[in-house]
Amino acid sequence: MRTTVGHRIAAQVVVALTLTLVSACGGASAGAGGAGEDGAVATPTCRASLTPAAVPKDGSFPTDWPFPPGTVVTRAEQVPGGGLAVTAQIGSEFENVLPFMQHDLEDAGFVATQGEAEHDDAEATWTGGGYSGTWAIKSSGTCEGTTLLQVAAAKQ
């Protein structure tokens, strides 16, 4: 069944790119920077070295996928068998990103079908908009105050 194959491909991509997620360090996004109202620095300086990458609009990834505020996509790559894997860094703490991934994605039609969360990482399989895939987030070990994101998607 194609849906099962899509889930397997997306899961394999996330597993294969986990080292990228664990070792990545983020970069700057437009409009980010400075201190917030509570005096906390909104954009860690370690994000300044990131080079933004474009997410293809060729149908290999949902064009209406909502990324959390402060996301800088750093890599988008085609995967064997179809689909796309997107790697990014978010200029927010894991604790602020997790509710977005658990609730805002569902509100946008990308519903988690299975998942788990721990104190500094979480992952889920999802379906929506004619796609299925996986997402994973992890507190960055190299860029304090940021969260690493990886999303894999394949057409259903």
N, C-alpha and C. Protein backbone atom coordinates (compact mmCIF):
# COMPACT_ATOMS: atom_id res chain seq x y z
N MET A 1 0.84 -1.18 0.00
CA MET A 1 0.00 0.00 0.00
C MET A 1 0.89 1.24 0.00
N ARG A 2 0.55 2.23 -0.82
CA ARG A 2 1.38 3.41 -0.99
C ARG A 2 1.54 4.20 0.31
N THR A 3 0.48 4.33 1.12
CA THR A 3 0.57 5.07 2.38
C THR A 3 1.62 4.44 3.29
N THR A 4 1.63 3.12 3.39
CA THR A 4 2.62 2.43 4.21
C THR A 4 4.02 2.68 3.68
N VAL A 5 4.19 2.62 2.37
CA VAL A 5 5.50 2.88 1.77
C VAL A 5 5.92 4.31 2.07
N GLY A 6 5.00 5.26 1.94
CA GLY A 6 5.31 6.67 2.23
C GLY A 6 5.76 6.85 3.67
N HIS A 7 5.07 6.20 4.60
CA HIS A 7 5.46 6.28 6.02
C HIS A 7 6.84 5.68 6.23
N ARG A 8 7.11 4.54 5.60
CA ARG A 8 8.41 3.90 5.74
C ARG A 8 9.53 4.76 5.17
N ILE A 9 9.30 5.34 4.00
CA ILE A 9 10.31 6.20 3.39
C ILE A 9 10.58 7.40 4.28
N ALA A 10 9.52 8.04 4.74
CA ALA A 10 9.69 9.21 5.60
C ALA A 10 10.41 8.84 6.89
N ALA A 11 10.06 7.72 7.48
CA ALA A 11 10.72 7.29 8.72
C ALA A 11 12.19 6.99 8.47
N GLN A 12 12.50 6.35 7.35
CA GLN A 12 13.89 6.05 7.04
C GLN A 12 14.70 7.33 6.85
N VAL A 13 14.09 8.34 6.23
CA VAL A 13 14.79 9.61 6.02
C VAL A 13 15.10 10.26 7.35
N VAL A 14 14.14 10.29 8.26
CA VAL A 14 14.38 10.90 9.56
C VAL A 14 15.48 10.17 10.30
N VAL A 15 15.45 8.85 10.27
CA VAL A 15 16.50 8.09 10.94
C VAL A 15 17.85 8.37 10.29
N ALA A 16 17.91 8.38 8.97
CA ALA A 16 19.17 8.59 8.26
C ALA A 16 19.73 9.98 8.50
N LEU A 17 18.87 10.95 8.72
CA LEU A 17 19.35 12.32 8.89
C LEU A 17 19.42 12.75 10.34
N THR A 18 19.24 11.84 11.28
CA THR A 18 19.29 12.17 12.70
C THR A 18 20.63 12.78 13.08
N LEU A 19 21.71 12.30 12.51
CA LEU A 19 23.02 12.89 12.82
C LEU A 19 23.08 14.34 12.40
N THR A 20 22.45 14.68 11.29
CA THR A 20 22.38 16.07 10.88
C THR A 20 21.62 16.88 11.91
N LEU A 21 20.50 16.36 12.39
CA LEU A 21 19.69 17.05 13.38
C LEU A 21 20.46 17.25 14.66
N VAL A 22 21.19 16.25 15.10
CA VAL A 22 21.93 16.34 16.35
C VAL A 22 23.11 17.30 16.24
N SER A 23 23.74 17.39 15.08
CA SER A 23 24.95 18.20 14.97
C SER A 23 24.74 19.58 14.39
N ALA A 24 23.55 19.87 13.86
CA ALA A 24 23.33 21.17 13.21
C ALA A 24 23.36 22.32 14.20
N CYS A 25 23.77 23.47 13.71
CA CYS A 25 23.70 24.70 14.48
C CYS A 25 23.06 25.74 13.60
N GLY A 26 22.10 26.49 14.12
CA GLY A 26 21.23 27.38 13.37
C GLY A 26 21.83 28.66 12.87
N GLY A 27 20.97 29.47 12.15
CA GLY A 27 21.38 30.74 11.58
C GLY A 27 20.30 31.78 11.71
N ALA A 28 20.53 32.94 11.14
CA ALA A 28 19.63 34.08 11.29
C ALA A 28 18.43 33.96 10.39
N SER A 29 17.31 34.53 10.84
CA SER A 29 16.13 34.61 10.01
C SER A 29 15.71 36.06 9.92
N ALA A 30 15.02 36.40 8.85
CA ALA A 30 14.61 37.78 8.65
C ALA A 30 13.72 38.23 9.79
N GLY A 31 13.96 39.41 10.28
CA GLY A 31 13.14 39.98 11.33
C GLY A 31 13.48 39.51 12.71
N ALA A 32 14.44 38.64 12.87
CA ALA A 32 14.78 38.13 14.19
C ALA A 32 15.94 38.93 14.75
N GLY A 33 16.04 38.94 16.08
CA GLY A 33 17.18 39.57 16.71
C GLY A 33 16.76 40.47 17.83
N GLY A 34 17.71 40.83 18.67
CA GLY A 34 17.43 41.74 19.78
C GLY A 34 16.83 41.02 20.95
N ALA A 35 16.47 41.81 21.97
CA ALA A 35 15.89 41.26 23.19
C ALA A 35 14.39 41.33 23.14
N GLY A 36 13.74 40.33 23.72
CA GLY A 36 12.29 40.31 23.81
C GLY A 36 11.83 41.18 24.96
N GLU A 37 10.51 41.25 25.18
CA GLU A 37 9.95 42.09 26.24
C GLU A 37 10.45 41.68 27.61
N ASP A 38 10.75 40.39 27.77
CA ASP A 38 11.22 39.92 29.08
C ASP A 38 12.74 40.06 29.21
N GLY A 39 13.40 40.66 28.19
CA GLY A 39 14.84 40.89 28.24
C GLY A 39 15.66 39.73 27.72
N ALA A 40 15.01 38.61 27.35
CA ALA A 40 15.75 37.45 26.84
C ALA A 40 16.18 37.73 25.40
N VAL A 41 17.34 37.26 25.03
CA VAL A 41 17.83 37.43 23.67
C VAL A 41 17.00 36.55 22.75
N ALA A 42 16.41 37.16 21.71
CA ALA A 42 15.51 36.43 20.81
C ALA A 42 16.27 35.56 19.82
N THR A 43 17.45 35.97 19.38
CA THR A 43 18.20 35.21 18.39
C THR A 43 19.63 35.00 18.87
N PRO A 44 19.97 33.79 19.27
CA PRO A 44 21.35 33.53 19.69
C PRO A 44 22.32 33.83 18.55
N THR A 45 23.50 34.33 18.89
CA THR A 45 24.49 34.69 17.88
C THR A 45 24.96 33.49 17.07
N CYS A 46 24.89 32.28 17.62
CA CYS A 46 25.32 31.09 16.87
C CYS A 46 24.44 30.83 15.64
N ARG A 47 23.27 31.43 15.57
CA ARG A 47 22.40 31.27 14.41
C ARG A 47 22.85 32.11 13.22
N ALA A 48 23.74 33.07 13.45
CA ALA A 48 24.17 33.97 12.39
C ALA A 48 24.91 33.25 11.27
N SER A 49 25.46 32.08 11.53
CA SER A 49 26.23 31.36 10.51
C SER A 49 25.36 30.50 9.59
N LEU A 50 24.07 30.43 9.84
CA LEU A 50 23.21 29.59 9.01
C LEU A 50 23.03 30.17 7.61
N THR A 51 22.95 29.29 6.64
CA THR A 51 22.63 29.68 5.28
C THR A 51 21.24 29.13 4.96
N PRO A 52 20.26 30.01 4.79
CA PRO A 52 18.90 29.54 4.50
C PRO A 52 18.83 28.77 3.18
N ALA A 53 17.98 27.77 3.16
CA ALA A 53 17.73 26.96 1.95
C ALA A 53 16.25 27.05 1.62
N ALA A 54 15.95 26.93 0.35
CA ALA A 54 14.55 26.97 -0.10
C ALA A 54 13.93 25.59 -0.04
N VAL A 55 12.63 25.56 0.27
CA VAL A 55 11.85 24.32 0.21
C VAL A 55 11.22 24.29 -1.18
N PRO A 56 11.51 23.27 -1.98
CA PRO A 56 10.95 23.20 -3.34
C PRO A 56 9.42 23.26 -3.33
N LYS A 57 8.88 23.90 -4.34
CA LYS A 57 7.43 24.01 -4.48
C LYS A 57 6.96 23.13 -5.64
N ASP A 58 7.62 21.97 -5.80
CA ASP A 58 7.32 21.07 -6.90
C ASP A 58 6.36 19.94 -6.54
N GLY A 59 5.75 20.01 -5.35
CA GLY A 59 4.82 18.97 -4.92
C GLY A 59 5.47 17.87 -4.10
N SER A 60 6.78 17.95 -3.88
CA SER A 60 7.44 16.92 -3.08
C SER A 60 7.30 17.16 -1.59
N PHE A 61 6.77 18.33 -1.21
CA PHE A 61 6.58 18.71 0.19
C PHE A 61 5.33 19.58 0.26
N PRO A 62 4.52 19.46 1.32
CA PRO A 62 3.30 20.27 1.41
C PRO A 62 3.62 21.77 1.41
N THR A 63 3.06 22.50 0.45
CA THR A 63 3.32 23.94 0.36
C THR A 63 2.70 24.72 1.51
N ASP A 64 1.72 24.11 2.18
CA ASP A 64 1.06 24.80 3.30
C ASP A 64 1.54 24.28 4.67
N TRP A 65 2.69 23.58 4.70
CA TRP A 65 3.24 23.12 5.98
C TRP A 65 3.61 24.34 6.82
N PRO A 66 3.09 24.44 8.04
CA PRO A 66 3.41 25.60 8.89
C PRO A 66 4.66 25.36 9.74
N PHE A 67 5.70 26.13 9.48
CA PHE A 67 6.90 26.05 10.30
C PHE A 67 6.72 26.97 11.51
N PRO A 68 7.28 26.60 12.66
CA PRO A 68 7.20 27.47 13.84
C PRO A 68 7.85 28.83 13.56
N PRO A 69 7.38 29.88 14.24
CA PRO A 69 8.01 31.19 14.08
C PRO A 69 9.51 31.11 14.39
N GLY A 70 10.31 31.84 13.62
CA GLY A 70 11.75 31.85 13.84
C GLY A 70 12.49 30.69 13.21
N THR A 71 11.83 29.96 12.31
CA THR A 71 12.46 28.81 11.66
C THR A 71 13.34 29.27 10.50
N VAL A 72 14.52 28.71 10.43
CA VAL A 72 15.40 28.87 9.27
C VAL A 72 15.64 27.48 8.69
N VAL A 73 15.13 27.25 7.49
CA VAL A 73 15.37 25.99 6.80
C VAL A 73 16.81 26.01 6.30
N THR A 74 17.57 24.97 6.63
CA THR A 74 18.98 24.91 6.24
C THR A 74 19.27 23.85 5.19
N ARG A 75 18.35 22.94 4.97
CA ARG A 75 18.56 21.90 3.98
C ARG A 75 17.21 21.33 3.56
N ALA A 76 17.10 21.05 2.28
CA ALA A 76 15.94 20.33 1.74
C ALA A 76 16.49 19.38 0.70
N GLU A 77 16.24 18.10 0.89
CA GLU A 77 16.80 17.14 -0.06
C GLU A 77 15.79 16.06 -0.42
N GLN A 78 15.80 15.71 -1.71
CA GLN A 78 14.96 14.64 -2.22
C GLN A 78 15.43 13.33 -1.62
N VAL A 79 14.47 12.44 -1.39
CA VAL A 79 14.81 11.13 -0.86
C VAL A 79 14.48 10.06 -1.89
N PRO A 80 15.25 8.96 -1.89
CA PRO A 80 14.97 7.88 -2.83
C PRO A 80 13.54 7.38 -2.66
N GLY A 81 12.86 7.15 -3.75
CA GLY A 81 11.49 6.66 -3.69
C GLY A 81 10.47 7.77 -3.63
N GLY A 82 10.91 9.02 -3.61
CA GLY A 82 9.99 10.16 -3.59
C GLY A 82 9.90 10.79 -2.22
N GLY A 83 9.55 12.03 -2.21
CA GLY A 83 9.42 12.78 -0.97
C GLY A 83 10.60 13.70 -0.74
N LEU A 84 10.54 14.39 0.38
CA LEU A 84 11.53 15.40 0.69
C LEU A 84 11.81 15.40 2.18
N ALA A 85 13.06 15.63 2.54
CA ALA A 85 13.45 15.80 3.94
C ALA A 85 13.92 17.23 4.11
N VAL A 86 13.38 17.92 5.10
CA VAL A 86 13.71 19.31 5.39
C VAL A 86 14.34 19.38 6.77
N THR A 87 15.48 20.04 6.87
CA THR A 87 16.17 20.25 8.13
C THR A 87 16.17 21.75 8.41
N ALA A 88 15.93 22.13 9.68
CA ALA A 88 15.84 23.54 10.02
C ALA A 88 16.26 23.77 11.47
N GLN A 89 16.44 25.03 11.79
CA GLN A 89 16.70 25.42 13.17
C GLN A 89 15.70 26.51 13.54
N ILE A 90 15.19 26.40 14.75
CA ILE A 90 14.17 27.32 15.24
C ILE A 90 14.78 28.15 16.36
N GLY A 91 14.57 29.44 16.32
CA GLY A 91 15.15 30.35 17.31
C GLY A 91 14.36 30.41 18.60
N SER A 92 13.89 29.27 19.08
CA SER A 92 13.13 29.18 20.32
C SER A 92 13.53 27.93 21.07
N GLU A 93 13.34 27.96 22.38
CA GLU A 93 13.59 26.80 23.24
C GLU A 93 12.64 25.65 22.88
N PHE A 94 13.10 24.42 23.10
CA PHE A 94 12.31 23.22 22.86
C PHE A 94 10.93 23.33 23.50
N GLU A 95 10.88 23.82 24.74
CA GLU A 95 9.61 23.90 25.49
C GLU A 95 8.59 24.81 24.80
N ASN A 96 9.06 25.76 24.01
CA ASN A 96 8.16 26.64 23.27
C ASN A 96 7.77 26.07 21.92
N VAL A 97 8.62 25.24 21.36
CA VAL A 97 8.37 24.66 20.04
C VAL A 97 7.43 23.46 20.12
N LEU A 98 7.55 22.67 21.17
CA LEU A 98 6.75 21.44 21.28
C LEU A 98 5.25 21.70 21.19
N PRO A 99 4.67 22.68 21.89
CA PRO A 99 3.23 22.91 21.74
C PRO A 99 2.83 23.26 20.31
N PHE A 100 3.68 24.00 19.60
CA PHE A 100 3.40 24.30 18.19
C PHE A 100 3.29 23.01 17.40
N MET A 101 4.26 22.14 17.58
CA MET A 101 4.28 20.89 16.82
C MET A 101 3.11 19.99 17.19
N GLN A 102 2.68 20.03 18.43
CA GLN A 102 1.58 19.17 18.88
C GLN A 102 0.21 19.73 18.56
N HIS A 103 0.07 21.04 18.48
CA HIS A 103 -1.26 21.63 18.32
C HIS A 103 -1.44 22.43 17.04
N ASP A 104 -0.51 23.31 16.73
CA ASP A 104 -0.67 24.16 15.56
C ASP A 104 -0.63 23.36 14.26
N LEU A 105 0.20 22.32 14.21
CA LEU A 105 0.22 21.47 13.02
C LEU A 105 -1.12 20.80 12.81
N GLU A 106 -1.70 20.29 13.89
CA GLU A 106 -3.01 19.65 13.78
C GLU A 106 -4.07 20.65 13.34
N ASP A 107 -4.03 21.85 13.88
CA ASP A 107 -4.97 22.90 13.47
C ASP A 107 -4.85 23.20 11.98
N ALA A 108 -3.65 23.02 11.43
CA ALA A 108 -3.41 23.27 10.01
C ALA A 108 -3.72 22.04 9.14
N GLY A 109 -4.16 20.93 9.78
CA GLY A 109 -4.55 19.75 9.03
C GLY A 109 -3.50 18.65 8.95
N PHE A 110 -2.38 18.81 9.65
CA PHE A 110 -1.33 17.80 9.67
C PHE A 110 -1.40 17.09 11.02
N VAL A 111 -2.09 15.96 11.04
CA VAL A 111 -2.46 15.29 12.28
C VAL A 111 -1.45 14.20 12.64
N ALA A 112 -0.95 14.26 13.86
CA ALA A 112 -0.04 13.22 14.35
C ALA A 112 -0.81 11.92 14.53
N THR A 113 -0.25 10.85 14.02
CA THR A 113 -0.89 9.54 14.15
C THR A 113 -0.20 8.70 15.21
N GLN A 114 1.02 9.07 15.57
CA GLN A 114 1.77 8.38 16.61
C GLN A 114 2.95 9.28 16.97
N GLY A 115 3.34 9.27 18.23
CA GLY A 115 4.49 10.08 18.60
C GLY A 115 4.88 9.90 20.05
N GLU A 116 5.99 10.56 20.40
CA GLU A 116 6.46 10.54 21.78
C GLU A 116 7.27 11.79 22.03
N ALA A 117 7.30 12.21 23.30
CA ALA A 117 8.07 13.39 23.69
C ALA A 117 8.81 13.09 24.99
N GLU A 118 10.03 13.58 25.05
CA GLU A 118 10.85 13.49 26.25
C GLU A 118 11.24 14.91 26.65
N HIS A 119 12.15 15.06 27.60
CA HIS A 119 12.46 16.39 28.11
C HIS A 119 13.16 17.29 27.11
N ASP A 120 13.86 16.75 26.11
CA ASP A 120 14.54 17.62 25.14
C ASP A 120 14.42 17.16 23.70
N ASP A 121 13.56 16.18 23.44
CA ASP A 121 13.31 15.79 22.05
C ASP A 121 11.92 15.18 21.92
N ALA A 122 11.40 15.21 20.71
CA ALA A 122 10.09 14.65 20.42
C ALA A 122 10.04 14.28 18.95
N GLU A 123 9.20 13.33 18.63
CA GLU A 123 9.00 12.95 17.24
C GLU A 123 7.60 12.41 17.07
N ALA A 124 7.11 12.47 15.83
CA ALA A 124 5.77 11.96 15.53
C ALA A 124 5.68 11.61 14.06
N THR A 125 4.79 10.68 13.75
CA THR A 125 4.39 10.44 12.37
C THR A 125 3.12 11.25 12.16
N TRP A 126 2.90 11.71 10.96
CA TRP A 126 1.75 12.56 10.69
C TRP A 126 1.18 12.25 9.31
N THR A 127 -0.03 12.74 9.08
CA THR A 127 -0.68 12.65 7.79
C THR A 127 -1.52 13.90 7.60
N GLY A 128 -1.62 14.34 6.36
CA GLY A 128 -2.46 15.50 6.07
C GLY A 128 -2.11 16.12 4.73
N GLY A 129 -3.10 16.74 4.11
CA GLY A 129 -2.89 17.43 2.85
C GLY A 129 -2.42 16.54 1.72
N GLY A 130 -2.73 15.25 1.79
CA GLY A 130 -2.30 14.33 0.75
C GLY A 130 -0.89 13.80 0.93
N TYR A 131 -0.29 14.06 2.10
CA TYR A 131 1.06 13.61 2.41
C TYR A 131 1.05 12.82 3.71
N SER A 132 2.12 12.09 3.92
CA SER A 132 2.38 11.47 5.21
C SER A 132 3.87 11.62 5.47
N GLY A 133 4.23 11.54 6.74
CA GLY A 133 5.65 11.68 7.05
C GLY A 133 5.94 11.65 8.52
N THR A 134 7.07 12.20 8.87
CA THR A 134 7.49 12.27 10.26
C THR A 134 8.08 13.65 10.53
N TRP A 135 8.04 14.06 11.79
CA TRP A 135 8.78 15.24 12.22
C TRP A 135 9.52 14.88 13.50
N ALA A 136 10.62 15.56 13.72
CA ALA A 136 11.41 15.37 14.93
C ALA A 136 11.98 16.72 15.34
N ILE A 137 11.96 16.98 16.65
CA ILE A 137 12.58 18.19 17.19
C ILE A 137 13.50 17.79 18.34
N LYS A 138 14.55 18.59 18.52
CA LYS A 138 15.51 18.31 19.59
C LYS A 138 16.15 19.62 20.00
N SER A 139 16.33 19.80 21.31
CA SER A 139 17.09 20.95 21.79
C SER A 139 18.48 20.89 21.19
N SER A 140 18.96 22.02 20.72
CA SER A 140 20.30 22.06 20.14
C SER A 140 21.34 21.94 21.25
N GLY A 141 22.30 21.06 21.05
CA GLY A 141 23.39 20.92 22.00
C GLY A 141 24.53 21.89 21.72
N THR A 142 24.48 22.56 20.57
CA THR A 142 25.57 23.45 20.17
C THR A 142 25.15 24.91 20.06
N CYS A 143 23.87 25.20 20.11
CA CYS A 143 23.38 26.57 19.97
C CYS A 143 22.27 26.78 21.00
N GLU A 144 22.66 27.17 22.20
CA GLU A 144 21.73 27.28 23.31
C GLU A 144 20.53 28.17 22.97
N GLY A 145 19.36 27.74 23.41
CA GLY A 145 18.15 28.52 23.19
C GLY A 145 17.48 28.26 21.85
N THR A 146 17.97 27.25 21.11
CA THR A 146 17.37 26.93 19.82
C THR A 146 16.94 25.47 19.79
N THR A 147 16.13 25.15 18.80
CA THR A 147 15.62 23.80 18.62
C THR A 147 15.87 23.37 17.19
N LEU A 148 16.31 22.16 17.01
CA LEU A 148 16.53 21.59 15.68
C LEU A 148 15.26 20.88 15.24
N LEU A 149 14.94 20.99 13.96
CA LEU A 149 13.72 20.41 13.38
C LEU A 149 14.06 19.64 12.14
N GLN A 150 13.40 18.50 11.99
CA GLN A 150 13.49 17.75 10.74
C GLN A 150 12.10 17.26 10.39
N VAL A 151 11.72 17.47 9.14
CA VAL A 151 10.43 17.01 8.64
C VAL A 151 10.67 16.21 7.37
N ALA A 152 10.09 15.02 7.30
CA ALA A 152 10.13 14.21 6.10
C ALA A 152 8.71 14.05 5.61
N ALA A 153 8.50 14.22 4.32
CA ALA A 153 7.17 14.12 3.75
C ALA A 153 7.20 13.34 2.44
N ALA A 154 6.16 12.56 2.20
CA ALA A 154 6.00 11.83 0.95
C ALA A 154 4.53 11.87 0.57
N LYS A 155 4.26 11.96 -0.72
CA LYS A 155 2.88 11.92 -1.21
C LYS A 155 2.25 10.60 -0.81
N GLN A 156 0.96 10.67 -0.43
CA GLN A 156 0.25 9.44 -0.08
C GLN A 156 -0.25 8.76 -1.33
